[in-house]
Amino acid sequence: MMKKIIGIFAALAVVVALASSLVVTYPNEYKMIKQFGEIVKVIEEPGVSFKIPFIQESSSLPKALQLYDIPKSDVITKDKKSMIADAFVLWKISDPVLFTRHLNGQVAQAQSRISASVFSSMKTVISNMDQSEIIENRDGKLAMDISSNIGSSLDDYGIVVLAVETKSLDMPDDNKQAVYERMISERNNIAATYTAEGNSSAQKIKNDTAKEISVMTSEAKAEAEKIVAEGEAQYMQILSNAYNDADKADFYNFVRALDAAKESLTNKENMLILDKQSPITQIFYGY
């Protein structure tokens, strides 16, 4: 009976020893094997491995990408404007040994370090930018500058920051209205400037067009008057050639006298009274 009991206890001891020696590692974790408080092995590949029972112990660290939502914080811009930054960080453990030694393997301590580092970087970057510049670049360049400024400051803790993204970067509530009004005023001033420049350009075009029209009209009138003068000269030359002898000249005078008499017959009696010395009378007497 005693042998059976001893055998059972021995079997149980073997099972317990075997169970305590098994180490199961999952794909999303590191397994840290410690012996008397010192790290003796890091298991990165998933699967089953062994450790010395009762002497060595194992602990897990996250291997997957981590997301940490940083608490909101106040920052001051280059032009001394207060803003509230709300951001989150994507990070992971790059060196589980350093992470365990310096942060005791605690994710909470890592988040505290990350928060301090990101806030310091954010403060540095934002303090070198005006508020308007921050608002214009907060969707891309600002996050890149913050991440770049962090650099390798967390390498000694076995942490790598992959990205810093700003969820919001806004003014305090009591400053928003004043900022909005100033921005509206600035946009109105810009619009007024564009309108004034447009009106000035339009007026210049109108003036240039009116000047061109005036010059073209003057030239056209001068050309028309020249043509009329040339036509009258040709007309007079034709008349001169037509009546270049005495008989034709007398006939021309006779016709002109008749035309003049016709124009004078405007009374109802159709009576024309002429003085004897009148040129018309002389023509009639002559004929």
Protein backbone atom coordinates (compact mmCIF):
# COMPACT_ATOMS: atom_id res chain seq x y z
CA MET A 1 0.00 0.00 0.00
CA MET A 2 2.81 2.36 0.97
CA LYS A 3 4.54 1.73 -2.34
CA LYS A 4 1.34 2.59 -4.18
CA ILE A 5 0.98 5.85 -2.30
CA ILE A 6 4.59 6.74 -2.97
CA GLY A 7 4.08 5.89 -6.62
CA ILE A 8 1.03 8.10 -6.86
CA PHE A 9 2.86 11.02 -5.23
CA ALA A 10 5.81 10.48 -7.53
CA ALA A 11 3.54 10.48 -10.57
CA LEU A 12 1.85 13.65 -9.37
CA ALA A 13 5.23 15.27 -8.81
CA VAL A 14 6.28 14.33 -12.33
CA VAL A 15 3.05 15.76 -13.77
CA VAL A 16 3.43 18.98 -11.79
CA ALA A 17 7.08 19.29 -12.74
CA LEU A 18 6.25 18.63 -16.37
CA ALA A 19 3.41 21.16 -16.32
CA SER A 20 5.57 23.82 -14.71
CA SER A 21 8.30 23.23 -17.28
CA LEU A 22 6.06 23.79 -20.27
CA VAL A 23 5.99 27.27 -21.84
CA VAL A 24 3.29 28.06 -24.41
CA THR A 25 4.03 31.12 -26.59
CA TYR A 26 1.26 32.71 -28.69
CA PRO A 27 1.84 34.63 -31.97
CA ASN A 28 1.00 38.04 -30.44
CA GLU A 29 3.40 37.85 -27.46
CA TYR A 30 6.95 37.49 -26.23
CA LYS A 31 7.76 34.98 -23.47
CA MET A 32 10.40 36.10 -21.01
CA ILE A 33 12.19 33.29 -19.10
CA LYS A 34 13.75 34.48 -15.84
CA GLN A 35 15.98 32.68 -13.40
CA PHE A 36 16.46 34.26 -9.99
CA GLY A 37 15.10 37.52 -11.38
CA GLU A 38 17.48 37.65 -14.38
CA ILE A 39 16.34 37.22 -17.97
CA VAL A 40 17.94 34.09 -19.39
CA LYS A 41 15.85 33.62 -22.53
CA VAL A 42 13.39 35.43 -24.78
CA ILE A 43 10.99 33.32 -26.83
CA GLU A 44 9.67 35.16 -29.88
CA GLU A 45 8.36 32.33 -32.06
CA PRO A 46 4.94 30.83 -31.24
CA GLY A 47 4.83 27.26 -29.97
CA VAL A 48 5.66 25.08 -26.94
CA SER A 49 9.04 25.19 -25.20
CA PHE A 50 10.50 24.18 -21.85
CA LYS A 51 12.03 25.80 -18.80
CA ILE A 52 13.50 24.48 -15.59
CA PRO A 53 10.59 23.89 -13.23
CA PHE A 54 10.49 25.71 -9.90
CA ILE A 55 13.71 27.56 -10.71
CA GLN A 56 12.78 29.46 -13.84
CA GLU A 57 9.60 31.45 -14.35
CA SER A 58 7.94 32.91 -17.45
CA SER A 59 6.06 36.12 -18.15
CA SER A 60 4.39 37.57 -21.24
CA LEU A 61 4.84 40.86 -23.09
CA PRO A 62 2.62 42.07 -25.95
CA LYS A 63 4.20 41.66 -29.36
CA ALA A 64 1.35 43.18 -31.38
CA LEU A 65 0.97 46.83 -32.34
CA GLN A 66 -0.33 48.91 -29.45
CA LEU A 67 -2.60 51.96 -29.51
CA TYR A 68 -2.37 54.48 -26.73
CA ASP A 69 -4.79 57.41 -26.46
CA ILE A 70 -2.79 60.29 -24.98
CA PRO A 71 -4.63 62.57 -22.51
CA LYS A 72 -5.57 65.98 -23.86
CA SER A 73 -3.03 68.68 -23.12
CA ASP A 74 -2.63 72.45 -23.57
CA VAL A 75 0.10 73.69 -25.90
CA ILE A 76 1.21 77.21 -26.84
CA THR A 77 1.87 78.21 -30.45
CA LYS A 78 4.65 80.43 -31.77
CA ASP A 79 2.28 83.41 -31.84
CA LYS A 80 1.37 82.75 -28.18
CA LYS A 81 -2.03 81.17 -28.84
CA SER A 82 -3.33 78.41 -26.59
CA MET A 83 -4.52 75.17 -28.21
CA ILE A 84 -5.79 71.83 -26.90
CA ALA A 85 -4.12 68.80 -28.45
CA ASP A 86 -5.81 65.40 -28.50
CA ALA A 87 -3.70 62.65 -30.07
CA PHE A 88 -3.04 58.91 -30.07
CA VAL A 89 0.13 56.89 -30.60
CA LEU A 90 0.81 53.63 -32.42
CA TRP A 91 3.73 51.85 -30.78
CA LYS A 92 5.21 48.45 -30.13
CA ILE A 93 7.89 46.73 -28.07
CA SER A 94 11.06 46.58 -30.14
CA ASP A 95 13.34 45.06 -27.49
CA PRO A 96 11.62 42.98 -24.79
CA VAL A 97 14.81 42.75 -22.69
CA LEU A 98 15.23 46.54 -22.43
CA PHE A 99 11.50 46.91 -21.92
CA THR A 100 11.62 44.49 -18.98
CA ARG A 101 14.76 45.92 -17.39
CA HIS A 102 13.83 49.62 -17.57
CA LEU A 103 10.06 49.47 -17.31
CA ASN A 104 9.67 46.26 -15.28
CA GLY A 105 7.71 44.85 -18.22
CA GLN A 106 4.75 47.08 -17.39
CA VAL A 107 2.70 48.51 -20.29
CA ALA A 108 1.34 51.23 -17.97
CA GLN A 109 4.88 52.50 -17.32
CA ALA A 110 5.58 52.40 -21.06
CA GLN A 111 2.47 54.49 -21.73
CA SER A 112 3.60 57.03 -19.15
CA ARG A 113 6.99 57.36 -20.88
CA ILE A 114 5.35 57.59 -24.29
CA SER A 115 2.94 60.27 -23.08
CA ALA A 116 5.78 62.39 -21.70
CA SER A 117 7.89 61.99 -24.85
CA VAL A 118 5.04 62.73 -27.24
CA PHE A 119 3.90 65.75 -25.24
CA SER A 120 7.46 67.13 -25.20
CA SER A 121 7.78 66.61 -28.96
CA MET A 122 4.35 68.11 -29.63
CA LYS A 123 5.16 71.12 -27.47
CA THR A 124 8.45 71.67 -29.32
CA VAL A 125 6.92 71.38 -32.80
CA ILE A 126 3.84 73.50 -32.09
CA SER A 127 5.84 76.21 -30.32
CA ASN A 128 7.71 76.78 -33.61
CA MET A 129 4.53 77.20 -35.69
CA ASP A 130 1.88 79.92 -35.85
CA GLN A 131 -1.70 78.96 -35.10
CA SER A 132 -2.82 79.42 -38.72
CA GLU A 133 0.05 77.23 -39.94
CA ILE A 134 -0.88 74.52 -37.44
CA ILE A 135 -4.52 74.54 -38.57
CA GLU A 136 -3.46 74.24 -42.22
CA ASN A 137 -1.04 71.34 -41.57
CA ARG A 138 -2.72 69.38 -38.79
CA ASP A 139 -3.96 66.65 -41.15
CA GLY A 140 -0.51 65.53 -42.28
CA LYS A 141 2.69 67.49 -41.84
CA LEU A 142 2.17 68.24 -38.15
CA ALA A 143 1.90 64.54 -37.19
CA MET A 144 4.97 63.71 -39.27
CA ASP A 145 6.99 66.48 -37.61
CA ILE A 146 5.96 65.29 -34.13
CA SER A 147 6.92 61.68 -34.93
CA SER A 148 10.22 62.80 -36.44
CA ASN A 149 11.02 64.93 -33.40
CA ILE A 150 10.53 61.93 -31.07
CA GLY A 151 13.21 60.13 -33.02
CA SER A 152 15.05 57.48 -31.02
CA SER A 153 14.32 58.94 -27.57
CA LEU A 154 12.44 55.78 -26.51
CA ASP A 155 14.90 53.24 -27.91
CA ASP A 156 16.54 52.76 -24.50
CA TYR A 157 13.22 51.52 -23.16
CA GLY A 158 12.77 48.98 -25.93
CA ILE A 159 9.92 50.99 -27.45
CA VAL A 160 9.43 52.20 -31.01
CA VAL A 161 6.80 54.81 -31.91
CA LEU A 162 5.42 54.09 -35.37
CA ALA A 163 3.04 57.04 -35.70
CA VAL A 164 1.53 59.95 -33.83
CA GLU A 165 -1.87 61.06 -35.08
CA THR A 166 -3.78 64.13 -33.90
CA LYS A 167 -7.48 63.47 -33.39
CA SER A 168 -8.13 67.16 -32.81
CA LEU A 169 -6.12 70.31 -32.33
CA ASP A 170 -8.49 73.04 -31.32
CA MET A 171 -8.69 76.34 -29.51
CA PRO A 172 -10.14 76.65 -26.02
CA ASP A 173 -13.86 77.42 -26.10
CA ASP A 174 -13.40 81.00 -24.91
CA ASN A 175 -10.98 81.73 -27.78
CA LYS A 176 -12.84 80.08 -30.62
CA GLN A 177 -15.31 82.88 -31.35
CA ALA A 178 -12.62 85.55 -31.42
CA VAL A 179 -10.46 83.43 -33.73
CA TYR A 180 -13.40 82.70 -36.03
CA GLU A 181 -14.28 86.40 -36.22
CA ARG A 182 -10.69 87.30 -36.99
CA MET A 183 -10.48 84.65 -39.69
CA ILE A 184 -13.75 85.86 -41.21
CA SER A 185 -12.45 89.44 -41.15
CA GLU A 186 -9.20 88.38 -42.81
CA ARG A 187 -11.06 86.47 -45.52
CA ASN A 188 -13.35 89.46 -46.09
CA ASN A 189 -10.30 91.71 -46.44
CA ILE A 190 -8.77 89.32 -48.95
CA ALA A 191 -12.07 89.19 -50.88
CA ALA A 192 -12.28 93.01 -50.84
CA THR A 193 -8.71 93.23 -52.16
CA TYR A 194 -9.49 90.82 -54.99
CA THR A 195 -12.68 92.77 -55.80
CA ALA A 196 -10.81 96.09 -55.85
CA GLU A 197 -8.09 94.63 -58.07
CA GLY A 198 -10.75 93.20 -60.39
CA ASN A 199 -12.61 96.52 -60.58
CA SER A 200 -9.35 98.35 -61.27
CA SER A 201 -8.47 95.93 -64.06
CA ALA A 202 -11.99 96.19 -65.50
CA GLN A 203 -11.85 100.01 -65.45
CA LYS A 204 -8.44 99.97 -67.13
CA ILE A 205 -9.78 97.69 -69.85
CA LYS A 206 -12.80 99.99 -70.32
CA ASN A 207 -10.56 103.07 -70.53
CA ASP A 208 -8.20 101.42 -73.00
CA THR A 209 -11.16 100.25 -75.08
CA ALA A 210 -12.80 103.71 -75.06
CA LYS A 211 -9.48 105.27 -76.08
CA GLU A 212 -9.08 102.81 -78.95
CA ILE A 213 -12.67 103.46 -80.07
CA SER A 214 -12.10 107.23 -79.93
CA VAL A 215 -8.89 106.95 -81.96
CA MET A 216 -10.52 104.65 -84.51
CA THR A 217 -13.58 106.96 -84.77
CA SER A 218 -11.38 110.02 -85.27
CA GLU A 219 -9.34 108.24 -87.91
CA ALA A 220 -12.52 107.05 -89.65
CA LYS A 221 -14.00 110.58 -89.61
CA ALA A 222 -10.75 112.04 -90.94
CA GLU A 223 -10.68 109.42 -93.67
CA ALA A 224 -14.36 110.11 -94.50
CA GLU A 225 -13.77 113.84 -94.65
CA LYS A 226 -10.77 113.24 -96.88
CA ILE A 227 -12.86 111.07 -99.20
CA VAL A 228 -15.68 113.67 -99.23
CA ALA A 229 -13.19 116.43 -100.01
CA GLU A 230 -11.65 114.36 -102.78
CA GLY A 231 -15.15 113.66 -104.13
CA GLU A 232 -16.12 117.33 -104.07
CA ALA A 233 -12.86 118.23 -105.77
CA GLN A 234 -13.53 115.66 -108.47
CA TYR A 235 -17.11 116.95 -108.74
CA MET A 236 -15.93 120.51 -109.20
CA GLN A 237 -13.35 119.35 -111.68
CA ILE A 238 -16.04 117.55 -113.64
CA LEU A 239 -18.22 120.66 -113.59
CA SER A 240 -15.31 122.79 -114.60
CA ASN A 241 -14.54 120.47 -117.49
CA ALA A 242 -18.22 120.35 -118.47
CA TYR A 243 -18.60 124.13 -118.60
CA ASN A 244 -15.20 125.20 -119.83
CA ASP A 245 -16.55 127.31 -122.73
CA ALA A 246 -18.89 130.36 -122.89
CA ASP A 247 -21.96 128.62 -124.31
CA LYS A 248 -21.93 125.85 -121.72
CA ALA A 249 -21.31 128.36 -118.95
CA ASP A 250 -24.33 130.42 -120.06
CA PHE A 251 -26.46 127.33 -120.21
CA TYR A 252 -25.34 126.33 -116.74
CA ASN A 253 -26.24 129.80 -115.45
CA PHE A 254 -29.63 129.55 -117.16
CA VAL A 255 -30.38 126.21 -115.53
CA ARG A 256 -29.31 127.49 -112.13
CA ALA A 257 -31.53 130.55 -112.59
CA LEU A 258 -34.50 128.33 -113.37
CA ASP A 259 -33.80 126.23 -110.29
CA ALA A 260 -33.64 129.38 -108.18
CA ALA A 261 -36.89 130.67 -109.63
CA LYS A 262 -38.57 127.34 -108.97
CA GLU A 263 -37.54 127.39 -105.37
CA SER A 264 -38.89 130.94 -105.04
CA LEU A 265 -42.39 130.08 -106.29
CA THR A 266 -43.84 129.14 -102.89
CA ASN A 267 -46.87 131.52 -102.78
CA LYS A 268 -50.32 130.34 -103.77
CA GLU A 269 -50.49 132.52 -106.89
CA ASN A 270 -47.27 131.00 -108.21
CA MET A 271 -46.10 134.56 -108.92
CA LEU A 272 -42.50 135.54 -109.15
CA ILE A 273 -41.65 139.23 -108.85
CA LEU A 274 -38.18 140.14 -109.88
CA ASP A 275 -36.28 143.39 -110.00
CA LYS A 276 -35.12 144.44 -113.41
CA GLN A 277 -31.57 144.43 -112.22
CA SER A 278 -31.84 140.90 -110.79
CA PRO A 279 -29.43 138.40 -112.35
CA ILE A 280 -32.35 136.08 -112.97
CA THR A 281 -34.21 138.82 -114.83
CA GLN A 282 -31.13 139.56 -116.85
CA ILE A 283 -30.94 135.91 -117.84
CA PHE A 284 -34.57 135.85 -118.87
CA TYR A 285 -34.08 139.07 -120.79
CA GLY A 286 -31.02 137.71 -122.34
CA TYR A 287 -32.97 134.67 -123.57
